């Protein structure tokens, strides 16, 4: 990928370890929408998962 293109992972992020692995591959960010949709408190899940 060109250096000026952001690489985003779109699925499969279920834990901090998943996020760290994807970052180690050079991915710039990830979408974690399902985790937010399944919780009553999205702010809490940020600290727990990512």
N, C-alpha and C. Protein backbone atom coordinates (compact mmCIF):
# COMPACT_ATOMS: atom_id res chain seq x y z
N UNK A 1 0.83 -1.18 0.00
CA UNK A 1 0.00 0.00 0.00
C UNK A 1 0.88 1.25 0.00
N UNK A 2 0.46 2.26 -0.71
CA UNK A 2 1.19 3.52 -0.64
C UNK A 2 1.16 4.09 0.77
N UNK A 3 2.21 4.78 1.16
CA UNK A 3 2.31 5.32 2.53
C UNK A 3 1.22 6.35 2.84
N UNK A 4 0.66 7.01 1.82
CA UNK A 4 -0.34 8.05 2.07
C UNK A 4 -1.76 7.51 2.09
N UNK A 5 -1.92 6.18 2.10
CA UNK A 5 -3.24 5.56 2.14
C UNK A 5 -3.43 4.93 3.52
N UNK A 6 -4.52 5.28 4.18
CA UNK A 6 -4.83 4.69 5.49
C UNK A 6 -5.41 3.29 5.29
N UNK A 7 -4.90 2.33 6.04
CA UNK A 7 -5.38 0.96 5.98
C UNK A 7 -6.25 0.71 7.21
N UNK A 8 -7.50 0.29 6.97
CA UNK A 8 -8.46 0.08 8.05
C UNK A 8 -8.96 -1.36 8.03
N UNK A 9 -8.91 -2.03 9.17
CA UNK A 9 -9.48 -3.36 9.31
C UNK A 9 -10.96 -3.21 9.62
N UNK A 10 -11.82 -3.96 8.94
CA UNK A 10 -13.25 -3.75 9.08
C UNK A 10 -13.98 -4.74 9.97
N UNK A 11 -13.37 -5.83 10.35
CA UNK A 11 -14.10 -6.77 11.20
C UNK A 11 -13.14 -7.69 11.94
N UNK A 12 -13.69 -8.42 12.89
CA UNK A 12 -12.91 -9.41 13.62
C UNK A 12 -12.21 -8.90 14.85
N UNK A 13 -12.45 -7.67 15.25
CA UNK A 13 -11.80 -7.11 16.43
C UNK A 13 -12.68 -7.40 17.64
N UNK A 14 -12.22 -8.30 18.48
CA UNK A 14 -13.00 -8.68 19.66
C UNK A 14 -12.25 -8.44 20.97
N UNK A 15 -10.96 -8.14 20.86
CA UNK A 15 -10.18 -7.96 22.09
C UNK A 15 -9.02 -7.00 21.83
N UNK A 16 -8.41 -6.58 22.92
CA UNK A 16 -7.23 -5.72 22.81
C UNK A 16 -6.12 -6.46 22.06
N UNK A 17 -6.00 -7.76 22.28
CA UNK A 17 -4.97 -8.54 21.61
C UNK A 17 -5.19 -8.54 20.09
N UNK A 18 -6.45 -8.65 19.67
CA UNK A 18 -6.75 -8.57 18.23
C UNK A 18 -6.28 -7.23 17.67
N UNK A 19 -6.60 -6.15 18.37
CA UNK A 19 -6.22 -4.82 17.93
C UNK A 19 -4.70 -4.70 17.85
N UNK A 20 -4.01 -5.16 18.86
CA UNK A 20 -2.55 -5.06 18.88
C UNK A 20 -1.92 -5.88 17.75
N UNK A 21 -2.48 -7.05 17.46
CA UNK A 21 -1.97 -7.86 16.35
C UNK A 21 -2.14 -7.13 15.02
N UNK A 22 -3.31 -6.58 14.80
CA UNK A 22 -3.57 -5.86 13.56
C UNK A 22 -2.65 -4.65 13.44
N UNK A 23 -2.45 -3.93 14.53
CA UNK A 23 -1.51 -2.80 14.50
C UNK A 23 -0.10 -3.26 14.14
N UNK A 24 0.30 -4.44 14.64
CA UNK A 24 1.65 -4.95 14.34
C UNK A 24 1.84 -5.25 12.85
N UNK A 25 0.73 -5.43 12.14
CA UNK A 25 0.78 -5.67 10.70
C UNK A 25 0.84 -4.38 9.89
N UNK A 26 0.74 -3.24 10.58
CA UNK A 26 0.81 -1.96 9.90
C UNK A 26 -0.52 -1.33 9.59
N UNK A 27 -1.60 -1.90 10.11
CA UNK A 27 -2.93 -1.33 9.90
C UNK A 27 -3.05 -0.05 10.73
N UNK A 28 -3.65 0.98 10.14
CA UNK A 28 -3.75 2.28 10.78
C UNK A 28 -4.91 2.39 11.76
N UNK A 29 -5.96 1.62 11.58
CA UNK A 29 -7.12 1.70 12.45
C UNK A 29 -8.07 0.55 12.20
N UNK A 30 -9.13 0.48 13.00
CA UNK A 30 -10.08 -0.61 12.82
C UNK A 30 -11.48 -0.15 13.21
N UNK A 31 -12.46 -0.82 12.67
CA UNK A 31 -13.85 -0.57 13.01
C UNK A 31 -14.29 -1.61 14.03
N UNK A 32 -14.94 -1.16 15.08
CA UNK A 32 -15.37 -2.07 16.14
C UNK A 32 -16.85 -1.89 16.45
N UNK A 33 -17.64 -1.65 15.44
CA UNK A 33 -19.05 -1.34 15.60
C UNK A 33 -19.89 -2.38 16.31
N UNK A 34 -19.70 -3.67 16.04
CA UNK A 34 -20.51 -4.72 16.64
C UNK A 34 -20.39 -4.70 18.16
N UNK A 35 -19.20 -4.51 18.65
CA UNK A 35 -19.00 -4.46 20.10
C UNK A 35 -19.81 -3.34 20.72
N UNK A 36 -19.87 -2.19 20.05
CA UNK A 36 -20.66 -1.07 20.56
C UNK A 36 -22.15 -1.35 20.46
N UNK A 37 -22.57 -2.04 19.44
CA UNK A 37 -24.00 -2.32 19.26
C UNK A 37 -24.53 -3.30 20.31
N UNK A 38 -23.66 -4.15 20.85
CA UNK A 38 -24.09 -5.19 21.78
C UNK A 38 -24.04 -4.76 23.25
N UNK A 39 -23.59 -3.57 23.54
CA UNK A 39 -23.44 -3.15 24.93
C UNK A 39 -24.37 -1.99 25.27
N UNK A 40 -24.72 -1.91 26.54
CA UNK A 40 -25.52 -0.79 27.02
C UNK A 40 -24.64 0.42 27.33
N UNK A 41 -23.33 0.18 27.51
CA UNK A 41 -22.42 1.25 27.91
C UNK A 41 -21.17 1.25 27.00
N UNK A 42 -21.23 1.90 25.83
CA UNK A 42 -20.08 1.90 24.92
C UNK A 42 -18.82 2.52 25.52
N UNK A 43 -18.96 3.49 26.39
CA UNK A 43 -17.79 4.11 27.00
C UNK A 43 -17.00 3.09 27.84
N UNK A 44 -17.71 2.24 28.54
CA UNK A 44 -17.07 1.21 29.36
C UNK A 44 -16.30 0.22 28.49
N UNK A 45 -16.87 -0.16 27.37
CA UNK A 45 -16.23 -1.17 26.51
C UNK A 45 -14.94 -0.67 25.90
N UNK A 46 -14.80 0.61 25.70
CA UNK A 46 -13.56 1.16 25.15
C UNK A 46 -12.38 0.82 26.05
N UNK A 47 -12.54 1.00 27.34
CA UNK A 47 -11.47 0.69 28.29
C UNK A 47 -11.19 -0.79 28.41
N UNK A 48 -12.20 -1.63 28.24
CA UNK A 48 -12.04 -3.07 28.40
C UNK A 48 -11.43 -3.73 27.17
N UNK A 49 -11.83 -3.31 26.01
CA UNK A 49 -11.47 -4.03 24.80
C UNK A 49 -10.31 -3.43 24.02
N UNK A 50 -10.31 -2.12 23.90
CA UNK A 50 -9.32 -1.50 23.02
C UNK A 50 -8.50 -0.48 23.79
